[in-house]
Each structure stands twice: as C-alpha cells, then as structure tokens.
Amino acid sequence: DTFPLWYAQEVEGIRTDVRVVNLSLLNTDWYIDQIRRKAYDSDAVPIS
C-alpha cells in the first residue's frame, strides 16, 4: 500500500498535503519521531 503512495508524493508530487501513516512502521519509535515532524506540505501528526 505505502510504497506506491510514497512514490506518488516523492516523485510525481501528487497531493503532498496528505500525511501517509504506515501502520506497520507505527510500532517503532523512529517512525513515530518522523510523523511528529512536518513533511512536504503536510503538518506534523498530533502526538502527545
């Protein structure tokens, strides 16, 4: 699911305002660090 979405945003610049959250990686601390940061045109994901 996620690889084509990342390609569409990274390479073709499609809807870079949407923040894709990979549920498989969301179990890891380093990925949670990433989604707490702004990326492209999407704001950081709100995590307390």
All heavy atoms as atom14 arrays in JSON, in Angstrom:
{
  "sequence": "DTFPLWYAQEVEGIRTDVRVVNLSLLNTDWYIDQIRRKAYDSDAVPIS",
  "atom14_mask": [
    [1, 1, 1, 1, 1, 1, 1, 1, 0, 0, 0, 0, 0, 0],
    [1, 1, 1, 1, 1, 1, 1, 0, 0, 0, 0, 0, 0, 0],
    [1, 1, 1, 1, 1, 1, 1, 1, 1, 1, 1, 0, 0, 0],
    [1, 1, 1, 1, 1, 1, 1, 0, 0, 0, 0, 0, 0, 0],
    [1, 1, 1, 1, 1, 1, 1, 1, 0, 0, 0, 0, 0, 0],
    [1, 1, 1, 1, 1, 1, 1, 1, 1, 1, 1, 1, 1, 1],
    [1, 1, 1, 1, 1, 1, 1, 1, 1, 1, 1, 1, 0, 0],
    [1, 1, 1, 1, 1, 0, 0, 0, 0, 0, 0, 0, 0, 0],
    [1, 1, 1, 1, 1, 1, 1, 1, 1, 0, 0, 0, 0, 0],
    [1, 1, 1, 1, 1, 1, 1, 1, 1, 0, 0, 0, 0, 0],
    [1, 1, 1, 1, 1, 1, 1, 0, 0, 0, 0, 0, 0, 0],
    [1, 1, 1, 1, 1, 1, 1, 1, 1, 0, 0, 0, 0, 0],
    [1, 1, 1, 1, 0, 0, 0, 0, 0, 0, 0, 0, 0, 0],
    [1, 1, 1, 1, 1, 1, 1, 1, 0, 0, 0, 0, 0, 0],
    [1, 1, 1, 1, 1, 1, 1, 1, 1, 1, 1, 0, 0, 0],
    [1, 1, 1, 1, 1, 1, 1, 0, 0, 0, 0, 0, 0, 0],
    [1, 1, 1, 1, 1, 1, 1, 1, 0, 0, 0, 0, 0, 0],
    [1, 1, 1, 1, 1, 1, 1, 0, 0, 0, 0, 0, 0, 0],
    [1, 1, 1, 1, 1, 1, 1, 1, 1, 1, 1, 0, 0, 0],
    [1, 1, 1, 1, 1, 1, 1, 0, 0, 0, 0, 0, 0, 0],
    [1, 1, 1, 1, 1, 1, 1, 0, 0, 0, 0, 0, 0, 0],
    [1, 1, 1, 1, 1, 1, 1, 1, 0, 0, 0, 0, 0, 0],
    [1, 1, 1, 1, 1, 1, 1, 1, 0, 0, 0, 0, 0, 0],
    [1, 1, 1, 1, 1, 1, 0, 0, 0, 0, 0, 0, 0, 0],
    [1, 1, 1, 1, 1, 1, 1, 1, 0, 0, 0, 0, 0, 0],
    [1, 1, 1, 1, 1, 1, 1, 1, 0, 0, 0, 0, 0, 0],
    [1, 1, 1, 1, 1, 1, 1, 1, 0, 0, 0, 0, 0, 0],
    [1, 1, 1, 1, 1, 1, 1, 0, 0, 0, 0, 0, 0, 0],
    [1, 1, 1, 1, 1, 1, 1, 1, 0, 0, 0, 0, 0, 0],
    [1, 1, 1, 1, 1, 1, 1, 1, 1, 1, 1, 1, 1, 1],
    [1, 1, 1, 1, 1, 1, 1, 1, 1, 1, 1, 1, 0, 0],
    [1, 1, 1, 1, 1, 1, 1, 1, 0, 0, 0, 0, 0, 0],
    [1, 1, 1, 1, 1, 1, 1, 1, 0, 0, 0, 0, 0, 0],
    [1, 1, 1, 1, 1, 1, 1, 1, 1, 0, 0, 0, 0, 0],
    [1, 1, 1, 1, 1, 1, 1, 1, 0, 0, 0, 0, 0, 0],
    [1, 1, 1, 1, 1, 1, 1, 1, 1, 1, 1, 0, 0, 0],
    [1, 1, 1, 1, 1, 1, 1, 1, 1, 1, 1, 0, 0, 0],
    [1, 1, 1, 1, 1, 1, 1, 1, 1, 0, 0, 0, 0, 0],
    [1, 1, 1, 1, 1, 0, 0, 0, 0, 0, 0, 0, 0, 0],
    [1, 1, 1, 1, 1, 1, 1, 1, 1, 1, 1, 1, 0, 0],
    [1, 1, 1, 1, 1, 1, 1, 1, 0, 0, 0, 0, 0, 0],
    [1, 1, 1, 1, 1, 1, 0, 0, 0, 0, 0, 0, 0, 0],
    [1, 1, 1, 1, 1, 1, 1, 1, 0, 0, 0, 0, 0, 0],
    [1, 1, 1, 1, 1, 0, 0, 0, 0, 0, 0, 0, 0, 0],
    [1, 1, 1, 1, 1, 1, 1, 0, 0, 0, 0, 0, 0, 0],
    [1, 1, 1, 1, 1, 1, 1, 0, 0, 0, 0, 0, 0, 0],
    [1, 1, 1, 1, 1, 1, 1, 1, 0, 0, 0, 0, 0, 0],
    [1, 1, 1, 1, 1, 1, 0, 0, 0, 0, 0, 0, 0, 0]
  ],
  "atom14_positions": [
    [[0.82, -1.2, 0.0], [0.0, 0.0, 0.0], [0.86, 1.25, 0.0], [0.64, 2.18, -0.79], [-0.9, 0.03, 1.25], [-2.3, -0.51, 0.98], [-2.55, -0.93, -0.17], [-3.13, -0.51, 1.89], [0.0, 0.0, 0.0], [0.0, 0.0, 0.0], [0.0, 0.0, 0.0], [0.0, 0.0, 0.0], [0.0, 0.0, 0.0], [0.0, 0.0, 0.0]],
    [[1.84, 1.29, 0.89], [2.53, 2.54, 1.17], [3.57, 2.9, 0.12], [3.74, 4.08, -0.2], [3.2, 2.49, 2.55], [2.25, 2.0, 3.5], [3.66, 3.85, 2.98], [0.0, 0.0, 0.0], [0.0, 0.0, 0.0], [0.0, 0.0, 0.0], [0.0, 0.0, 0.0], [0.0, 0.0, 0.0], [0.0, 0.0, 0.0], [0.0, 0.0, 0.0]],
    [[4.28, 1.92, -0.44], [5.33, 2.24, -1.4], [4.81, 3.05, -2.6], [5.42, 4.05, -2.98], [6.02, 0.96, -1.9], [6.81, 0.24, -0.82], [7.09, -1.11, -0.94], [7.28, 0.92, 0.3], [7.81, -1.77, 0.04], [8.01, 0.27, 1.28], [8.27, -1.08, 1.15], [0.0, 0.0, 0.0], [0.0, 0.0, 0.0], [0.0, 0.0, 0.0]],
    [[3.69, 2.66, -3.23], [3.19, 3.48, -4.34], [2.77, 4.89, -3.89], [2.94, 5.85, -4.64], [1.98, 2.68, -4.86], [2.22, 1.29, -4.41], [2.91, 1.42, -3.09], [0.0, 0.0, 0.0], [0.0, 0.0, 0.0], [0.0, 0.0, 0.0], [0.0, 0.0, 0.0], [0.0, 0.0, 0.0], [0.0, 0.0, 0.0], [0.0, 0.0, 0.0]],
    [[2.24, 5.0, -2.66], [1.86, 6.32, -2.15], [3.08, 7.21, -1.97], [3.08, 8.4, -2.33], [1.12, 6.17, -0.82], [-0.27, 5.52, -0.89], [-0.73, 5.07, 0.48], [-1.27, 6.49, -1.48], [0.0, 0.0, 0.0], [0.0, 0.0, 0.0], [0.0, 0.0, 0.0], [0.0, 0.0, 0.0], [0.0, 0.0, 0.0], [0.0, 0.0, 0.0]],
    [[4.14, 6.64, -1.4], [5.38, 7.4, -1.23], [5.94, 7.8, -2.6], [6.42, 8.92, -2.78], [6.41, 6.57, -0.47], [6.16, 6.5, 1.01], [5.42, 7.37, 1.76], [6.68, 5.53, 1.91], [5.43, 6.99, 3.08], [6.2, 5.86, 3.21], [7.49, 4.42, 1.78], [6.52, 5.12, 4.34], [7.81, 3.68, 2.9], [7.33, 4.03, 4.17]],
    [[5.89, 6.88, -3.56], [6.37, 7.22, -4.91], [5.57, 8.39, -5.48], [6.14, 9.34, -6.03], [6.25, 6.01, -5.85], [6.37, 6.42, -7.29], [7.62, 6.62, -7.87], [5.23, 6.66, -8.07], [7.73, 7.04, -9.18], [5.34, 7.09, -9.38], [6.59, 7.28, -9.94], [6.7, 7.72, -11.22], [0.0, 0.0, 0.0], [0.0, 0.0, 0.0]],
    [[4.25, 8.32, -5.36], [3.39, 9.36, -5.95], [3.73, 10.73, -5.36], [3.76, 11.73, -6.08], [1.92, 9.02, -5.71], [0.0, 0.0, 0.0], [0.0, 0.0, 0.0], [0.0, 0.0, 0.0], [0.0, 0.0, 0.0], [0.0, 0.0, 0.0], [0.0, 0.0, 0.0], [0.0, 0.0, 0.0], [0.0, 0.0, 0.0], [0.0, 0.0, 0.0]],
    [[4.0, 10.76, -4.06], [4.33, 12.03, -3.43], [5.78, 12.44, -3.7], [6.05, 13.59, -4.06], [4.09, 11.93, -1.91], [2.62, 11.82, -1.53], [2.41, 11.85, -0.02], [3.16, 11.22, 0.72], [1.4, 12.58, 0.41], [0.0, 0.0, 0.0], [0.0, 0.0, 0.0], [0.0, 0.0, 0.0], [0.0, 0.0, 0.0], [0.0, 0.0, 0.0]],
    [[6.71, 11.51, -3.55], [8.14, 11.81, -3.7], [8.51, 12.22, -5.12], [9.21, 13.2, -5.34], [8.98, 10.58, -3.31], [9.01, 10.27, -1.83], [10.17, 10.94, -1.12], [10.9, 11.69, -1.78], [10.34, 10.72, 0.09], [0.0, 0.0, 0.0], [0.0, 0.0, 0.0], [0.0, 0.0, 0.0], [0.0, 0.0, 0.0], [0.0, 0.0, 0.0]],
    [[8.03, 11.42, -6.08], [8.5, 11.58, -7.46], [7.57, 12.47, -8.29], [8.03, 13.34, -9.02], [8.65, 10.19, -8.14], [9.12, 10.34, -9.58], [9.62, 9.32, -7.35], [0.0, 0.0, 0.0], [0.0, 0.0, 0.0], [0.0, 0.0, 0.0], [0.0, 0.0, 0.0], [0.0, 0.0, 0.0], [0.0, 0.0, 0.0], [0.0, 0.0, 0.0]],
    [[6.27, 12.25, -8.16], [5.33, 12.96, -9.02], [4.65, 14.13, -8.33], [3.86, 14.85, -8.95], [4.3, 11.98, -9.59], [4.96, 10.83, -10.36], [4.02, 10.16, -11.35], [2.89, 10.66, -11.53], [4.42, 9.16, -11.94], [0.0, 0.0, 0.0], [0.0, 0.0, 0.0], [0.0, 0.0, 0.0], [0.0, 0.0, 0.0], [0.0, 0.0, 0.0]],
    [[4.93, 14.31, -7.02], [4.39, 15.47, -6.32], [2.89, 15.48, -6.17], [2.27, 16.55, -6.05], [0.0, 0.0, 0.0], [0.0, 0.0, 0.0], [0.0, 0.0, 0.0], [0.0, 0.0, 0.0], [0.0, 0.0, 0.0], [0.0, 0.0, 0.0], [0.0, 0.0, 0.0], [0.0, 0.0, 0.0], [0.0, 0.0, 0.0], [0.0, 0.0, 0.0]],
    [[2.27, 14.3, -6.14], [0.82, 14.2, -6.04], [0.39, 14.37, -4.59], [0.86, 13.64, -3.71], [0.32, 12.85, -6.6], [0.67, 12.71, -8.08], [-1.19, 12.69, -6.38], [0.41, 11.33, -8.65], [0.0, 0.0, 0.0], [0.0, 0.0, 0.0], [0.0, 0.0, 0.0], [0.0, 0.0, 0.0], [0.0, 0.0, 0.0], [0.0, 0.0, 0.0]],
    [[-0.47, 15.31, -4.31], [-1.09, 15.53, -3.01], [-0.1, 15.43, -1.85], [-0.26, 14.63, -0.92], [-2.25, 14.55, -2.81], [-3.45, 14.8, -3.74], [-4.05, 16.19, -3.54], [-4.41, 16.42, -2.15], [-5.56, 16.02, -1.6], [-6.44, 15.39, -2.34], [-5.82, 16.28, -0.33], [0.0, 0.0, 0.0], [0.0, 0.0, 0.0], [0.0, 0.0, 0.0]],
    [[0.89, 16.28, -1.87], [1.9, 16.27, -0.8], [1.37, 16.89, 0.49], [2.08, 16.93, 1.5], [3.16, 17.04, -1.25], [2.78, 18.33, -1.75], [3.87, 16.27, -2.35], [0.0, 0.0, 0.0], [0.0, 0.0, 0.0], [0.0, 0.0, 0.0], [0.0, 0.0, 0.0], [0.0, 0.0, 0.0], [0.0, 0.0, 0.0], [0.0, 0.0, 0.0]],
    [[0.11, 17.37, 0.46], [-0.51, 17.86, 1.7], [-1.06, 16.73, 2.56], [-1.33, 16.93, 3.75], [-1.66, 18.82, 1.37], [-2.76, 18.13, 0.57], [-2.46, 17.62, -0.52], [-3.91, 18.07, 1.05], [0.0, 0.0, 0.0], [0.0, 0.0, 0.0], [0.0, 0.0, 0.0], [0.0, 0.0, 0.0], [0.0, 0.0, 0.0], [0.0, 0.0, 0.0]],
    [[-1.21, 15.54, 1.98], [-1.74, 14.39, 2.72], [-0.6, 13.7, 3.46], [0.45, 13.42, 2.87], [-2.44, 13.39, 1.77], [-2.9, 12.15, 2.53], [-3.62, 14.06, 1.07], [0.0, 0.0, 0.0], [0.0, 0.0, 0.0], [0.0, 0.0, 0.0], [0.0, 0.0, 0.0], [0.0, 0.0, 0.0], [0.0, 0.0, 0.0], [0.0, 0.0, 0.0]],
    [[-0.81, 13.41, 4.74], [0.23, 12.72, 5.52], [-0.09, 11.23, 5.56], [-1.08, 10.8, 6.16], [0.3, 13.27, 6.94], [1.52, 12.78, 7.71], [2.81, 13.11, 6.93], [4.0, 12.75, 7.67], [4.69, 13.6, 8.42], [4.31, 14.85, 8.53], [5.78, 13.21, 9.04], [0.0, 0.0, 0.0], [0.0, 0.0, 0.0], [0.0, 0.0, 0.0]],
    [[0.75, 10.43, 4.91], [0.58, 8.98, 4.89], [1.21, 8.41, 6.16], [2.38, 8.68, 6.46], [1.25, 8.37, 3.64], [1.18, 6.84, 3.69], [0.59, 8.9, 2.37], [0.0, 0.0, 0.0], [0.0, 0.0, 0.0], [0.0, 0.0, 0.0], [0.0, 0.0, 0.0], [0.0, 0.0, 0.0], [0.0, 0.0, 0.0], [0.0, 0.0, 0.0]],
    [[0.44, 7.61, 6.9], [0.94, 6.98, 8.13], [0.91, 5.47, 7.93], [-0.16, 4.87, 7.79], [0.11, 7.39, 9.36], [0.61, 6.67, 10.61], [0.16, 8.9, 9.56], [0.0, 0.0, 0.0], [0.0, 0.0, 0.0], [0.0, 0.0, 0.0], [0.0, 0.0, 0.0], [0.0, 0.0, 0.0], [0.0, 0.0, 0.0], [0.0, 0.0, 0.0]],
    [[2.08, 4.87, 7.91], [2.25, 3.44, 7.69], [2.01, 2.7, 9.01], [2.79, 2.82, 9.95], [3.67, 3.2, 7.16], [3.97, 1.75, 6.86], [3.51, 0.85, 7.55], [4.78, 1.52, 5.84], [0.0, 0.0, 0.0], [0.0, 0.0, 0.0], [0.0, 0.0, 0.0], [0.0, 0.0, 0.0], [0.0, 0.0, 0.0], [0.0, 0.0, 0.0]],
    [[0.94, 1.92, 9.08], [0.57, 1.26, 10.33], [1.58, 0.2, 10.76], [1.72, -0.08, 11.95], [-0.82, 0.63, 10.19], [-1.97, 1.64, 10.08], [-3.28, 0.92, 9.76], [-2.12, 2.45, 11.36], [0.0, 0.0, 0.0], [0.0, 0.0, 0.0], [0.0, 0.0, 0.0], [0.0, 0.0, 0.0], [0.0, 0.0, 0.0], [0.0, 0.0, 0.0]],
    [[2.28, -0.39, 9.82], [3.29, -1.4, 10.18], [4.47, -0.73, 10.9], [4.99, -1.26, 11.88], [3.8, -2.12, 8.93], [2.73, -2.73, 8.23], [0.0, 0.0, 0.0], [0.0, 0.0, 0.0], [0.0, 0.0, 0.0], [0.0, 0.0, 0.0], [0.0, 0.0, 0.0], [0.0, 0.0, 0.0], [0.0, 0.0, 0.0], [0.0, 0.0, 0.0]],
    [[4.89, 0.43, 10.41], [6.03, 1.12, 10.99], [5.66, 1.89, 12.25], [6.54, 2.29, 13.02], [6.65, 2.08, 9.97], [7.19, 1.45, 8.69], [7.77, 2.52, 7.77], [8.24, 0.39, 9.0], [0.0, 0.0, 0.0], [0.0, 0.0, 0.0], [0.0, 0.0, 0.0], [0.0, 0.0, 0.0], [0.0, 0.0, 0.0], [0.0, 0.0, 0.0]],
    [[4.37, 2.11, 12.46], [3.92, 2.93, 13.59], [4.21, 2.25, 14.94], [4.04, 2.85, 15.98], [2.43, 3.24, 13.44], [1.86, 4.37, 14.29], [2.62, 5.67, 14.07], [0.37, 4.57, 13.99], [0.0, 0.0, 0.0], [0.0, 0.0, 0.0], [0.0, 0.0, 0.0], [0.0, 0.0, 0.0], [0.0, 0.0, 0.0], [0.0, 0.0, 0.0]],
    [[4.66, 0.99, 14.9], [5.05, 0.3, 16.13], [6.5, 0.62, 16.54], [6.98, 0.11, 17.55], [4.9, -1.21, 15.96], [3.45, -1.65, 16.0], [2.75, -1.42, 16.98], [2.98, -2.28, 14.93], [0.0, 0.0, 0.0], [0.0, 0.0, 0.0], [0.0, 0.0, 0.0], [0.0, 0.0, 0.0], [0.0, 0.0, 0.0], [0.0, 0.0, 0.0]],
    [[7.2, 1.43, 15.74], [8.61, 1.72, 16.03], [8.77, 3.17, 16.46], [8.1, 4.07, 15.94], [9.49, 1.46, 14.79], [9.1, 2.37, 13.73], [9.31, 0.03, 14.29], [0.0, 0.0, 0.0], [0.0, 0.0, 0.0], [0.0, 0.0, 0.0], [0.0, 0.0, 0.0], [0.0, 0.0, 0.0], [0.0, 0.0, 0.0], [0.0, 0.0, 0.0]],
    [[9.71, 3.39, 17.37], [9.9, 4.75, 17.89], [10.45, 5.71, 16.84], [10.05, 6.87, 16.77], [10.8, 4.72, 19.13], [12.11, 3.96, 18.93], [12.39, 3.54, 17.78], [12.84, 3.78, 19.92], [0.0, 0.0, 0.0], [0.0, 0.0, 0.0], [0.0, 0.0, 0.0], [0.0, 0.0, 0.0], [0.0, 0.0, 0.0], [0.0, 0.0, 0.0]],
    [[11.36, 5.24, 15.99], [11.96, 6.13, 14.99], [10.92, 6.63, 13.99], [11.01, 7.77, 13.5], [13.12, 5.44, 14.27], [12.76, 4.16, 13.55], [12.85, 2.9, 14.05], [12.24, 4.04, 12.23], [12.42, 1.98, 13.11], [12.04, 2.66, 11.98], [11.92, 4.95, 11.22], [11.54, 2.18, 10.77], [11.42, 4.47, 10.01], [11.24, 3.09, 9.81]],
    [[9.9, 5.79, 13.69], [8.88, 6.23, 12.73], [7.93, 7.23, 13.4], [7.47, 8.18, 12.75], [8.11, 5.03, 12.18], [7.11, 5.41, 11.11], [7.54, 5.84, 9.86], [5.74, 5.38, 11.35], [6.64, 6.21, 8.88], [4.83, 5.74, 10.38], [5.28, 6.15, 9.14], [4.39, 6.52, 8.16], [0.0, 0.0, 0.0], [0.0, 0.0, 0.0]],
    [[7.64, 7.01, 14.68], [6.8, 7.98, 15.4], [7.51, 9.33, 15.44], [6.89, 10.39, 15.29], [6.48, 7.47, 16.81], [5.71, 6.14, 16.74], [5.65, 8.5, 17.58], [5.54, 5.45, 18.07], [0.0, 0.0, 0.0], [0.0, 0.0, 0.0], [0.0, 0.0, 0.0], [0.0, 0.0, 0.0], [0.0, 0.0, 0.0], [0.0, 0.0, 0.0]],
    [[8.84, 9.3, 15.6], [9.62, 10.55, 15.52], [9.37, 11.25, 14.19], [9.22, 12.47, 14.13], [11.12, 10.26, 15.66], [11.52, 9.84, 17.06], [10.74, 10.06, 18.0], [12.63, 9.26, 17.21], [0.0, 0.0, 0.0], [0.0, 0.0, 0.0], [0.0, 0.0, 0.0], [0.0, 0.0, 0.0], [0.0, 0.0, 0.0], [0.0, 0.0, 0.0]],
    [[9.33, 10.48, 13.12], [9.16, 11.07, 11.78], [7.79, 11.71, 11.61], [7.69, 12.82, 11.08], [9.37, 10.0, 10.7], [10.8, 9.56, 10.52], [10.98, 8.66, 9.31], [10.05, 8.45, 8.54], [12.18, 8.12, 9.15], [0.0, 0.0, 0.0], [0.0, 0.0, 0.0], [0.0, 0.0, 0.0], [0.0, 0.0, 0.0], [0.0, 0.0, 0.0]],
    [[6.74, 11.01, 12.03], [5.41, 11.58, 11.79], [5.13, 12.79, 12.68], [4.2, 13.55, 12.41], [4.29, 10.52, 11.96], [4.19, 10.06, 13.42], [4.51, 9.34, 11.02], [2.97, 9.2, 13.68], [0.0, 0.0, 0.0], [0.0, 0.0, 0.0], [0.0, 0.0, 0.0], [0.0, 0.0, 0.0], [0.0, 0.0, 0.0], [0.0, 0.0, 0.0]],
    [[5.94, 12.98, 13.71], [5.78, 14.16, 14.56], [6.45, 15.39, 13.95], [6.42, 16.48, 14.52], [6.35, 13.89, 15.95], [5.61, 12.81, 16.72], [6.22, 12.58, 18.09], [6.01, 13.72, 18.96], [6.85, 14.08, 19.93], [7.96, 13.39, 20.12], [6.6, 15.12, 20.69], [0.0, 0.0, 0.0], [0.0, 0.0, 0.0], [0.0, 0.0, 0.0]],
    [[7.06, 15.21, 12.78], [7.68, 16.34, 12.07], [6.88, 16.68, 10.82], [6.23, 15.82, 10.22], [9.13, 16.0, 11.68], [10.05, 15.72, 12.86], [11.51, 15.76, 12.44], [11.85, 14.66, 11.54], [12.39, 13.51, 11.94], [12.61, 13.28, 13.23], [12.7, 12.57, 11.06], [0.0, 0.0, 0.0], [0.0, 0.0, 0.0], [0.0, 0.0, 0.0]],
    [[6.96, 17.92, 10.4], [6.31, 18.35, 9.17], [7.0, 17.69, 7.98], [8.22, 17.5, 7.99], [6.39, 19.87, 9.06], [5.72, 20.47, 7.83], [5.86, 21.99, 7.83], [5.31, 22.6, 6.55], [3.86, 22.39, 6.41], [0.0, 0.0, 0.0], [0.0, 0.0, 0.0], [0.0, 0.0, 0.0], [0.0, 0.0, 0.0], [0.0, 0.0, 0.0]],
    [[6.23, 17.32, 6.95], [6.8, 16.72, 5.75], [6.09, 17.27, 4.52], [4.86, 17.28, 4.46], [6.67, 15.2, 5.79], [0.0, 0.0, 0.0], [0.0, 0.0, 0.0], [0.0, 0.0, 0.0], [0.0, 0.0, 0.0], [0.0, 0.0, 0.0], [0.0, 0.0, 0.0], [0.0, 0.0, 0.0], [0.0, 0.0, 0.0], [0.0, 0.0, 0.0]],
    [[6.88, 17.76, 3.54], [6.31, 18.37, 2.35], [5.34, 19.48, 2.75], [5.69, 20.39, 3.49], [5.62, 17.33, 1.46], [6.51, 16.19, 1.05], [6.21, 14.89, 1.39], [7.68, 16.43, 0.31], [7.03, 13.84, 1.02], [8.5, 15.38, -0.07], [8.17, 14.1, 0.28], [8.99, 13.07, -0.08], [0.0, 0.0, 0.0], [0.0, 0.0, 0.0]],
    [[4.09, 19.35, 2.31], [3.08, 20.37, 2.62], [2.14, 19.91, 3.72], [1.08, 20.53, 3.93], [2.26, 20.69, 1.36], [3.14, 21.22, 0.25], [3.97, 22.11, 0.53], [3.03, 20.75, -0.9], [0.0, 0.0, 0.0], [0.0, 0.0, 0.0], [0.0, 0.0, 0.0], [0.0, 0.0, 0.0], [0.0, 0.0, 0.0], [0.0, 0.0, 0.0]],
    [[2.47, 18.81, 4.41], [1.59, 18.31, 5.48], [2.17, 18.64, 6.84], [3.39, 18.58, 7.05], [1.4, 16.8, 5.36], [2.6, 16.11, 5.65], [0.0, 0.0, 0.0], [0.0, 0.0, 0.0], [0.0, 0.0, 0.0], [0.0, 0.0, 0.0], [0.0, 0.0, 0.0], [0.0, 0.0, 0.0], [0.0, 0.0, 0.0], [0.0, 0.0, 0.0]],
    [[1.29, 19.0, 7.76], [1.72, 19.33, 9.11], [2.11, 18.07, 9.88], [1.79, 16.95, 9.47], [0.59, 20.05, 9.86], [0.28, 21.41, 9.25], [1.22, 22.03, 8.7], [-0.89, 21.83, 9.29], [0.0, 0.0, 0.0], [0.0, 0.0, 0.0], [0.0, 0.0, 0.0], [0.0, 0.0, 0.0], [0.0, 0.0, 0.0], [0.0, 0.0, 0.0]],
    [[2.78, 18.27, 11.0], [3.13, 17.15, 11.87], [1.87, 16.48, 12.39], [0.82, 17.12, 12.56], [3.98, 17.64, 13.03], [0.0, 0.0, 0.0], [0.0, 0.0, 0.0], [0.0, 0.0, 0.0], [0.0, 0.0, 0.0], [0.0, 0.0, 0.0], [0.0, 0.0, 0.0], [0.0, 0.0, 0.0], [0.0, 0.0, 0.0], [0.0, 0.0, 0.0]],
    [[1.96, 15.17, 12.63], [0.82, 14.43, 13.19], [0.76, 14.73, 14.7], [1.79, 14.66, 15.38], [1.0, 12.92, 12.94], [-0.08, 12.12, 13.66], [0.96, 12.63, 11.44], [0.0, 0.0, 0.0], [0.0, 0.0, 0.0], [0.0, 0.0, 0.0], [0.0, 0.0, 0.0], [0.0, 0.0, 0.0], [0.0, 0.0, 0.0], [0.0, 0.0, 0.0]],
    [[-0.41, 15.07, 15.22], [-0.51, 15.43, 16.64], [-0.39, 14.21, 17.56], [-1.29, 13.38, 17.65], [-1.91, 16.06, 16.74], [-2.68, 15.44, 15.63], [-1.7, 15.2, 14.52], [0.0, 0.0, 0.0], [0.0, 0.0, 0.0], [0.0, 0.0, 0.0], [0.0, 0.0, 0.0], [0.0, 0.0, 0.0], [0.0, 0.0, 0.0], [0.0, 0.0, 0.0]],
    [[0.75, 14.09, 18.23], [1.02, 13.01, 19.19], [1.43, 13.67, 20.51], [2.33, 14.51, 20.53], [2.15, 12.08, 18.69], [1.74, 11.38, 17.39], [2.51, 11.05, 19.76], [0.63, 10.38, 17.53], [0.0, 0.0, 0.0], [0.0, 0.0, 0.0], [0.0, 0.0, 0.0], [0.0, 0.0, 0.0], [0.0, 0.0, 0.0], [0.0, 0.0, 0.0]],
    [[0.8, 13.27, 21.59], [1.12, 13.88, 22.89], [2.23, 13.14, 23.63], [2.9, 13.72, 24.49], [-0.13, 13.93, 23.77], [-0.55, 12.61, 24.12], [0.0, 0.0, 0.0], [0.0, 0.0, 0.0], [0.0, 0.0, 0.0], [0.0, 0.0, 0.0], [0.0, 0.0, 0.0], [0.0, 0.0, 0.0], [0.0, 0.0, 0.0], [0.0, 0.0, 0.0]]
  ]
}
